[in-house]
Amino acid sequence: MIIYNKTWLKNLDLQNQLKRAQRLGDITAEELKHMEEKYPVGFYTPNIFVRAGLFILTQIITSFAGGLLSLILSSMDELITSPGYWLFLGLISYIALELIVRRMHHFRSGVDDALMWTAAGLILSAFIGYLTIAQRNGLSAPFESYLFGFTLVLAGYFTLRFADMLMAVVSFLSLIFFLFFSRELFGVYAAAILPFLIILVSAGVYFLCIYWKKYKDYENCLTALRVFCLLIGYAAGNYFVVKEMGGMINQPLQEGEGLPLGWFFWTWTIALPFVYIALGLKRKEVILLRSGLILVAAAAFTFRNYYHIMPIEGALSIVGAALLAISYGVIHYLKTPKKGFTYEELDDDQLLDKIKVESLIVGETFSGPASAPEGSRMGGGSFGGGGSSADF
């Protein structure tokens, strides 16, 4: 499904590990160069500044090209304002994207980013046009349900095809909005069911992302999805969010009236950030740990919004002090590494792969032009070579 050369993607991951090892002084520049020649990557990937420039330049070129074509066809008013015309432009952009990636091997170059978002935007605009026409003809279901349902499918396709992190986030948020605007399917109990449904969906997607970690090509997409699953899952049970959203769906609560199952939502609001922190420490997951620390502030602000036990300045001071205390406690706890999880700066979490990289360097240095033995692989698995055992 993914459009990029999988061998080059694996080599790119290997080269990134080698560059980190070279920065740490574990290998020399000559060894790095030798390995880059041994495991080449044919992608065109400029630095972030060139990428941003190419993104803007491609947007300008596509806008001028589309404007020129529309000017030529301006005599046919109904044509250039029809959804079919926007769909045509979107397909042209998508075909250009496929050609750029397949033949010119662009990978995160800015050109492919711009063409991808242009194609997605034009196709979505065409769908909105068709949806508007259908609504005039008596479309019964909510407009937003179709819109976010289609966005979910479209963004999901681009995620699978181009492994784009932002597209993955858009697809997940589209799923949440689709559930929200399709709440009429749940009948009169929509407001009561919706928070629990979104919590369950967020948890389900989160655990699916953990299960799919074996798909290394989508690693960044899965990481972004996990972050948003944690945040959306918390927001779905946050007392303030549930109360405000319930007021939008049904009649707003009277002053002084509490939410049904209010104890549950208050427990969720206050306790879940600390559960995230505890699980992050136990399972050595930075995503859980940082999400929990951020959501501690959200919990405090939610509490302060309903219980004015002190001025806002005092509340902010206490929250800041609590966050500092928690951070200090976490730092103190991790001062001594706990099974590979530590506070100390390690360049990044791939440092544990350093030994494998060293083994590879030794193996390849003495192996000459011969190919690597079958079963050897880089980046996270077992490796045999250079005298090390297969279980190293």
Protein backbone atom coordinates (compact mmCIF):
# COMPACT_ATOMS: atom_id res chain seq x y z
CA MET A 1 0.00 0.00 0.00
CA ILE A 2 2.75 2.45 0.93
CA ILE A 3 4.18 4.17 -2.11
CA TYR A 4 7.77 4.53 -0.94
CA ASN A 5 10.54 2.02 -1.59
CA LYS A 6 10.54 -0.18 1.54
CA THR A 7 14.21 -1.10 1.23
CA TRP A 8 15.15 2.57 1.16
CA LEU A 9 12.92 3.22 4.17
CA LYS A 10 14.77 0.53 6.13
CA ASN A 11 18.13 1.89 4.96
CA LEU A 12 17.03 5.40 5.97
CA ASP A 13 16.19 4.16 9.46
CA LEU A 14 19.58 2.47 9.63
CA GLN A 15 21.40 5.60 8.47
CA ASN A 16 19.63 7.67 11.11
CA GLN A 17 20.86 5.25 13.78
CA LEU A 18 24.36 5.40 12.38
CA LYS A 19 24.38 9.20 12.35
CA ARG A 20 23.35 9.23 16.01
CA ALA A 21 26.10 6.76 16.77
CA GLN A 22 28.58 8.99 14.94
CA ARG A 23 27.43 12.03 16.92
CA LEU A 24 27.99 10.09 20.12
CA GLY A 25 31.47 9.14 19.00
CA ASP A 26 30.78 5.41 18.71
CA ILE A 27 31.81 5.29 15.05
CA THR A 28 34.01 7.46 12.87
CA ALA A 29 33.01 9.58 9.89
CA GLU A 30 34.75 7.12 7.57
CA GLU A 31 32.76 4.22 8.99
CA LEU A 32 29.56 6.21 8.59
CA LYS A 33 30.38 6.99 4.98
CA HIS A 34 31.19 3.34 4.29
CA MET A 35 27.87 2.22 5.74
CA GLU A 36 25.94 4.87 3.81
CA GLU A 37 27.45 3.51 0.61
CA LYS A 38 26.65 -0.03 1.70
CA TYR A 39 23.01 0.80 2.46
CA PRO A 40 22.08 3.60 0.04
CA VAL A 41 18.93 5.72 0.16
CA GLY A 42 17.65 7.15 -3.10
CA PHE A 43 15.06 9.54 -1.68
CA TYR A 44 15.22 13.27 -2.28
CA THR A 45 14.75 14.77 1.19
CA PRO A 46 16.02 18.35 1.66
CA ASN A 47 16.46 20.11 4.99
CA ILE A 48 13.53 21.76 6.74
CA PHE A 49 14.13 25.23 5.24
CA VAL A 50 14.30 23.97 1.66
CA ARG A 51 11.29 21.78 2.37
CA ALA A 52 9.26 24.77 3.54
CA GLY A 53 10.37 26.77 0.50
CA LEU A 54 9.45 23.99 -1.90
CA PHE A 55 6.08 23.61 -0.18
CA ILE A 56 5.26 27.31 -0.70
CA LEU A 57 6.62 27.30 -4.25
CA THR A 58 4.56 24.24 -5.19
CA GLN A 59 1.43 25.82 -3.74
CA ILE A 60 2.04 28.95 -5.82
CA ILE A 61 2.63 26.92 -9.00
CA THR A 62 -0.48 24.77 -8.52
CA SER A 63 -2.58 27.85 -7.73
CA PHE A 64 -1.39 29.63 -10.87
CA ALA A 65 -1.88 26.52 -12.99
CA GLY A 66 -5.40 25.99 -11.67
CA GLY A 67 -6.21 29.68 -12.09
CA LEU A 68 -4.92 29.73 -15.65
CA LEU A 69 -6.94 26.65 -16.58
CA SER A 70 -10.04 28.16 -14.96
CA LEU A 71 -9.47 31.40 -16.88
CA ILE A 72 -9.30 29.51 -20.15
CA LEU A 73 -12.54 27.69 -19.30
CA SER A 74 -14.21 30.76 -17.80
CA SER A 75 -16.62 31.02 -20.73
CA MET A 76 -18.27 27.89 -19.38
CA ASP A 77 -19.49 29.20 -16.02
CA GLU A 78 -21.31 26.04 -15.02
CA LEU A 79 -18.22 23.94 -15.65
CA ILE A 80 -15.70 25.70 -13.40
CA THR A 81 -18.22 26.06 -10.56
CA SER A 82 -19.32 22.43 -10.67
CA PRO A 83 -18.03 19.86 -8.14
CA GLY A 84 -16.85 17.74 -11.04
CA TYR A 85 -14.35 20.43 -12.04
CA TRP A 86 -12.87 20.52 -8.51
CA LEU A 87 -12.71 16.73 -8.53
CA PHE A 88 -10.89 16.88 -11.87
CA LEU A 89 -8.31 19.33 -10.45
CA GLY A 90 -7.92 17.14 -7.38
CA LEU A 91 -7.26 14.05 -9.47
CA ILE A 92 -4.73 15.95 -11.61
CA SER A 93 -2.91 16.99 -8.42
CA TYR A 94 -2.97 13.43 -7.13
CA ILE A 95 -1.58 12.04 -10.39
CA ALA A 96 1.21 14.64 -10.22
CA LEU A 97 1.89 13.54 -6.64
CA GLU A 98 2.16 9.89 -7.64
CA LEU A 99 4.54 10.75 -10.50
CA ILE A 100 6.73 12.96 -8.30
CA VAL A 101 7.08 10.26 -5.67
CA ARG A 102 7.42 7.27 -7.99
CA ARG A 103 9.71 8.68 -10.65
CA MET A 104 11.60 11.46 -8.87
CA HIS A 105 11.64 9.72 -5.46
CA HIS A 106 10.57 12.72 -3.41
CA PHE A 107 10.21 11.91 0.29
CA ARG A 108 9.18 14.69 2.68
CA SER A 109 10.54 17.19 0.16
CA GLY A 110 7.83 19.82 0.42
CA VAL A 111 6.69 19.20 -3.14
CA ASP A 112 4.96 15.94 -2.23
CA ASP A 113 3.52 17.54 0.93
CA ALA A 114 2.01 20.41 -1.04
CA LEU A 115 0.58 18.16 -3.77
CA MET A 116 -0.89 15.77 -1.19
CA TRP A 117 -2.73 18.51 0.73
CA THR A 118 -3.80 20.21 -2.51
CA ALA A 119 -5.23 16.97 -3.89
CA ALA A 120 -6.97 16.14 -0.61
CA GLY A 121 -8.41 19.66 -0.31
CA LEU A 122 -9.74 19.72 -3.88
CA ILE A 123 -11.29 16.25 -3.62
CA LEU A 124 -12.91 17.19 -0.31
CA SER A 125 -14.22 20.44 -1.82
CA ALA A 126 -15.75 18.47 -4.67
CA PHE A 127 -17.42 16.13 -2.17
CA ILE A 128 -18.83 19.11 -0.26
CA GLY A 129 -20.23 20.42 -3.54
CA TYR A 130 -21.94 17.11 -4.30
CA LEU A 131 -23.17 16.94 -0.70
CA THR A 132 -24.70 20.42 -0.96
CA ILE A 133 -26.57 19.40 -4.09
CA ALA A 134 -27.80 16.24 -2.36
CA GLN A 135 -28.95 18.28 0.63
CA ARG A 136 -31.05 20.49 -1.63
CA ASN A 137 -32.67 17.34 -2.96
CA GLY A 138 -33.70 16.20 0.51
CA LEU A 139 -30.68 14.49 2.10
CA SER A 140 -31.95 13.30 5.46
CA ALA A 141 -28.83 12.46 7.46
CA PRO A 142 -26.77 15.30 9.02
CA PHE A 143 -24.49 17.09 6.56
CA GLU A 144 -21.58 16.86 8.99
CA SER A 145 -21.85 13.08 9.31
CA TYR A 146 -21.24 12.59 5.59
CA LEU A 147 -18.53 15.26 5.58
CA PHE A 148 -16.49 13.77 8.41
CA GLY A 149 -17.17 10.22 7.27
CA PHE A 150 -15.70 11.02 3.87
CA THR A 151 -12.80 12.94 5.46
CA LEU A 152 -12.06 9.88 7.58
CA VAL A 153 -11.84 7.66 4.50
CA LEU A 154 -9.84 10.20 2.46
CA ALA A 155 -7.32 11.00 5.20
CA GLY A 156 -7.04 7.30 6.05
CA TYR A 157 -6.13 6.52 2.45
CA PHE A 158 -3.44 9.22 2.32
CA THR A 159 -2.08 7.98 5.66
CA LEU A 160 -1.71 4.43 4.38
CA ARG A 161 -0.34 5.52 1.02
CA PHE A 162 2.12 8.22 2.13
CA ALA A 163 2.58 7.49 5.87
CA ASP A 164 1.85 11.12 6.69
CA MET A 165 1.59 11.96 10.37
CA LEU A 166 -0.80 14.92 10.03
CA MET A 167 -3.11 12.91 7.79
CA ALA A 168 -3.23 10.23 10.48
CA VAL A 169 -4.29 12.82 13.06
CA VAL A 170 -6.91 14.26 10.69
CA SER A 171 -8.36 10.80 10.11
CA PHE A 172 -8.64 10.14 13.86
CA LEU A 173 -10.23 13.52 14.59
CA SER A 174 -12.63 12.94 11.69
CA LEU A 175 -13.65 9.68 13.33
CA ILE A 176 -14.40 11.49 16.60
CA PHE A 177 -16.38 14.23 14.84
CA PHE A 178 -18.23 11.60 12.81
CA LEU A 179 -19.35 9.91 16.03
CA PHE A 180 -20.40 13.24 17.51
CA PHE A 181 -22.50 14.35 14.56
CA SER A 182 -24.00 10.88 14.11
CA ARG A 183 -25.26 10.83 17.69
CA GLU A 184 -28.87 10.73 16.53
CA LEU A 185 -28.27 7.06 15.78
CA PHE A 186 -28.14 6.51 19.55
CA GLY A 187 -31.62 7.92 20.05
CA VAL A 188 -32.69 9.89 23.11
CA TYR A 189 -29.72 8.62 25.11
CA ALA A 190 -27.17 10.20 22.77
CA ALA A 191 -25.87 12.73 25.30
CA ALA A 192 -25.45 10.00 27.93
CA ILE A 193 -23.74 7.48 25.66
CA LEU A 194 -21.47 9.75 23.63
CA PRO A 195 -18.73 10.40 26.25
CA PHE A 196 -18.35 6.70 27.00
CA LEU A 197 -18.37 5.83 23.31
CA ILE A 198 -15.58 8.32 22.53
CA ILE A 199 -13.58 7.04 25.51
CA LEU A 200 -13.92 3.47 24.27
CA VAL A 201 -13.03 4.41 20.69
CA SER A 202 -9.97 6.39 21.83
CA ALA A 203 -8.83 3.49 24.00
CA GLY A 204 -9.40 1.04 21.17
CA VAL A 205 -7.39 3.09 18.68
CA TYR A 206 -4.64 3.56 21.27
CA PHE A 207 -4.24 -0.17 21.84
CA LEU A 208 -4.41 -0.81 18.10
CA CYS A 209 -1.52 1.63 17.66
CA ILE A 210 0.48 -0.33 20.23
CA TYR A 211 -0.33 -3.59 18.43
CA TRP A 212 0.65 -2.05 15.07
CA LYS A 213 4.07 -0.91 16.31
CA LYS A 214 5.52 -3.74 14.25
CA TYR A 215 4.78 -1.67 11.14
CA LYS A 216 7.90 0.49 11.32
CA ASP A 217 7.07 2.46 8.17
CA TYR A 218 4.15 4.06 10.03
CA GLU A 219 5.96 4.64 13.32
CA ASN A 220 5.51 8.43 13.33
CA CYS A 221 1.82 8.14 12.41
CA LEU A 222 1.20 5.68 15.24
CA THR A 223 3.02 7.86 17.76
CA ALA A 224 0.95 10.91 16.81
CA LEU A 225 -2.25 8.86 17.00
CA ARG A 226 -1.36 7.62 20.49
CA VAL A 227 -0.87 11.18 21.74
CA PHE A 228 -4.23 12.31 20.40
CA CYS A 229 -5.96 9.17 21.70
CA LEU A 230 -4.75 10.01 25.21
CA LEU A 231 -5.83 13.65 24.96
CA ILE A 232 -9.22 13.00 23.33
CA GLY A 233 -9.92 10.11 25.70
CA TYR A 234 -9.31 12.43 28.65
CA ALA A 235 -11.34 15.28 27.16
CA ALA A 236 -14.28 12.94 26.52
CA GLY A 237 -14.60 12.30 30.27
CA ASN A 238 -13.57 15.74 31.52
CA TYR A 239 -16.36 17.24 33.65
CA PHE A 240 -16.24 20.65 31.95
CA VAL A 241 -16.25 19.21 28.42
CA VAL A 242 -19.06 16.76 29.16
CA LYS A 243 -21.19 19.46 30.76
CA GLU A 244 -20.69 21.96 27.95
CA MET A 245 -21.19 19.42 25.19
CA GLY A 246 -24.24 18.01 26.94
CA GLY A 247 -25.66 21.55 27.08
CA MET A 248 -25.17 21.87 23.32
CA ILE A 249 -26.89 18.56 22.60
CA ASN A 250 -29.74 18.84 25.10
CA GLN A 251 -31.06 21.59 27.31
CA PRO A 252 -28.36 23.33 29.38
CA LEU A 253 -28.37 22.42 33.06
CA GLN A 254 -29.93 24.81 35.51
CA GLU A 255 -27.65 26.79 37.79
CA GLY A 256 -26.47 24.60 40.65
CA GLU A 257 -27.61 21.42 38.91
CA GLY A 258 -24.94 18.73 38.55
CA LEU A 259 -24.28 16.23 35.83
CA PRO A 260 -25.74 12.73 36.12
CA LEU A 261 -22.87 10.42 37.15
CA GLY A 262 -20.99 13.55 38.13
CA TRP A 263 -18.83 11.57 40.56
CA PHE A 264 -17.56 9.47 37.67
CA PHE A 265 -16.61 12.47 35.53
CA TRP A 266 -14.95 14.24 38.45
CA THR A 267 -12.96 11.10 39.23
CA TRP A 268 -12.00 10.83 35.59
CA THR A 269 -11.00 14.50 35.44
CA ILE A 270 -8.81 14.43 38.53
CA ALA A 271 -7.44 10.89 38.60
CA LEU A 272 -6.71 10.08 34.95
CA PRO A 273 -3.65 12.39 34.59
CA PHE A 274 -2.05 10.67 37.55
CA VAL A 275 -2.94 7.27 36.09
CA TYR A 276 -1.16 8.33 32.89
CA ILE A 277 1.92 9.36 34.89
CA ALA A 278 1.95 6.13 36.90
CA LEU A 279 1.54 3.98 33.77
CA GLY A 280 4.20 6.02 31.99
CA LEU A 281 6.69 5.31 34.77
CA LYS A 282 5.72 1.67 35.05
CA ARG A 283 5.72 0.93 31.33
CA LYS A 284 8.57 3.33 30.49
CA GLU A 285 6.47 5.28 27.97
CA VAL A 286 7.35 8.93 27.56
CA ILE A 287 4.09 9.65 25.72
CA LEU A 288 2.01 8.61 28.74
CA LEU A 289 4.27 10.46 31.14
CA ARG A 290 4.25 13.78 29.30
CA SER A 291 0.53 13.59 28.52
CA GLY A 292 -0.18 13.03 32.21
CA LEU A 293 1.93 16.01 33.27
CA ILE A 294 0.14 18.28 30.80
CA LEU A 295 -3.30 17.05 31.84
CA VAL A 296 -2.62 17.71 35.52
CA ALA A 297 -2.95 21.41 34.63
CA ALA A 298 -6.18 20.71 32.71
CA ALA A 299 -7.60 18.93 35.75
CA ALA A 300 -6.68 21.83 38.02
CA PHE A 301 -8.27 24.41 35.74
CA THR A 302 -11.44 22.31 35.50
CA PHE A 303 -11.69 22.14 39.27
CA ARG A 304 -11.01 25.87 39.61
CA ASN A 305 -13.76 26.64 37.08
CA TYR A 306 -16.45 25.21 39.39
CA TYR A 307 -15.00 25.72 42.86
CA HIS A 308 -13.72 29.23 43.49
CA ILE A 309 -11.98 28.46 46.71
CA MET A 310 -9.20 30.92 46.01
CA PRO A 311 -8.21 33.65 43.53
CA ILE A 312 -6.96 32.57 40.14
CA GLU A 313 -3.45 33.76 40.99
CA GLY A 314 -3.36 31.44 43.98
CA ALA A 315 -4.73 28.53 41.97
CA LEU A 316 -2.12 29.04 39.25
CA SER A 317 0.63 29.17 41.85
CA ILE A 318 -0.53 25.94 43.48
CA VAL A 319 -0.84 24.18 40.13
CA GLY A 320 2.62 25.34 39.11
CA ALA A 321 4.06 24.21 42.43
CA ALA A 322 2.32 20.83 42.09
CA LEU A 323 3.70 20.35 38.59
CA LEU A 324 7.18 21.26 39.77
CA ALA A 325 6.86 18.83 42.67
CA ILE A 326 5.68 16.03 40.39
CA SER A 327 8.45 16.77 37.88
CA TYR A 328 11.04 16.81 40.66
CA GLY A 329 9.70 13.51 41.98
CA VAL A 330 9.86 11.92 38.54
CA ILE A 331 13.38 13.26 37.96
CA HIS A 332 14.51 12.01 41.35
CA TYR A 333 12.92 8.61 40.71
CA LEU A 334 14.64 8.28 37.35
CA LYS A 335 17.99 9.67 38.45
CA THR A 336 19.03 6.07 38.76
CA PRO A 337 18.08 4.32 35.49
CA LYS A 338 15.16 1.95 35.93
CA LYS A 339 15.54 -0.89 33.43
CA GLY A 340 16.55 1.39 30.58
CA PHE A 341 14.27 4.31 31.52
CA THR A 342 16.14 7.34 32.81
CA TYR A 343 15.96 11.10 33.08
CA GLU A 344 19.49 11.57 31.73
CA GLU A 345 19.92 12.99 28.23
CA LEU A 346 20.61 10.12 25.83
CA ASP A 347 20.45 11.93 22.50
CA ASP A 348 17.30 9.88 21.87
CA ASP A 349 15.72 6.59 22.73
CA GLN A 350 17.61 4.71 20.07
CA LEU A 351 20.79 4.74 22.09
CA LEU A 352 20.10 1.22 23.24
CA ASP A 353 20.58 0.17 19.66
CA LYS A 354 24.16 1.43 19.82
CA ILE A 355 25.52 -2.02 20.46
CA LYS A 356 23.80 -3.37 17.38
CA VAL A 357 25.24 -0.55 15.29
CA GLU A 358 28.72 -1.27 16.59
CA SER A 359 28.27 -4.93 15.73
CA LEU A 360 27.18 -3.98 12.25
CA ILE A 361 30.19 -1.71 11.77
CA VAL A 362 32.59 -4.46 12.84
CA GLY A 363 30.82 -7.04 10.70
CA GLU A 364 30.67 -4.91 7.59
CA THR A 365 34.21 -3.58 7.95
CA PHE A 366 35.68 -7.07 7.83
CA SER A 367 33.12 -8.65 5.50
CA GLY A 368 34.28 -6.77 2.39
CA PRO A 369 31.93 -6.65 -0.59
CA ALA A 370 30.12 -9.84 0.40
CA SER A 371 26.45 -9.46 1.26
CA ALA A 372 25.31 -9.62 4.86
CA PRO A 373 24.46 -13.10 6.15
CA GLU A 374 20.84 -14.11 5.89
CA GLY A 375 18.85 -13.14 8.94
CA SER A 376 20.91 -10.06 9.73
CA ARG A 377 18.92 -6.90 9.98
CA MET A 378 19.28 -3.47 11.42
CA GLY A 379 17.32 -1.41 13.86
CA GLY A 380 15.56 -3.19 16.67
CA GLY A 381 15.86 -6.93 15.99
CA SER A 382 18.33 -9.66 16.76
CA PHE A 383 21.56 -9.53 14.82
CA GLY A 384 24.29 -11.95 14.05
CA GLY A 385 27.61 -10.83 12.64
CA GLY A 386 31.05 -9.64 13.57
CA GLY A 387 31.45 -12.43 16.10
CA SER A 388 28.36 -11.56 18.11
CA SER A 389 25.78 -14.21 18.79
CA ALA A 390 22.44 -14.30 17.01
CA ASP A 391 20.69 -13.37 20.24
CA PHE A 392 22.78 -10.25 20.80
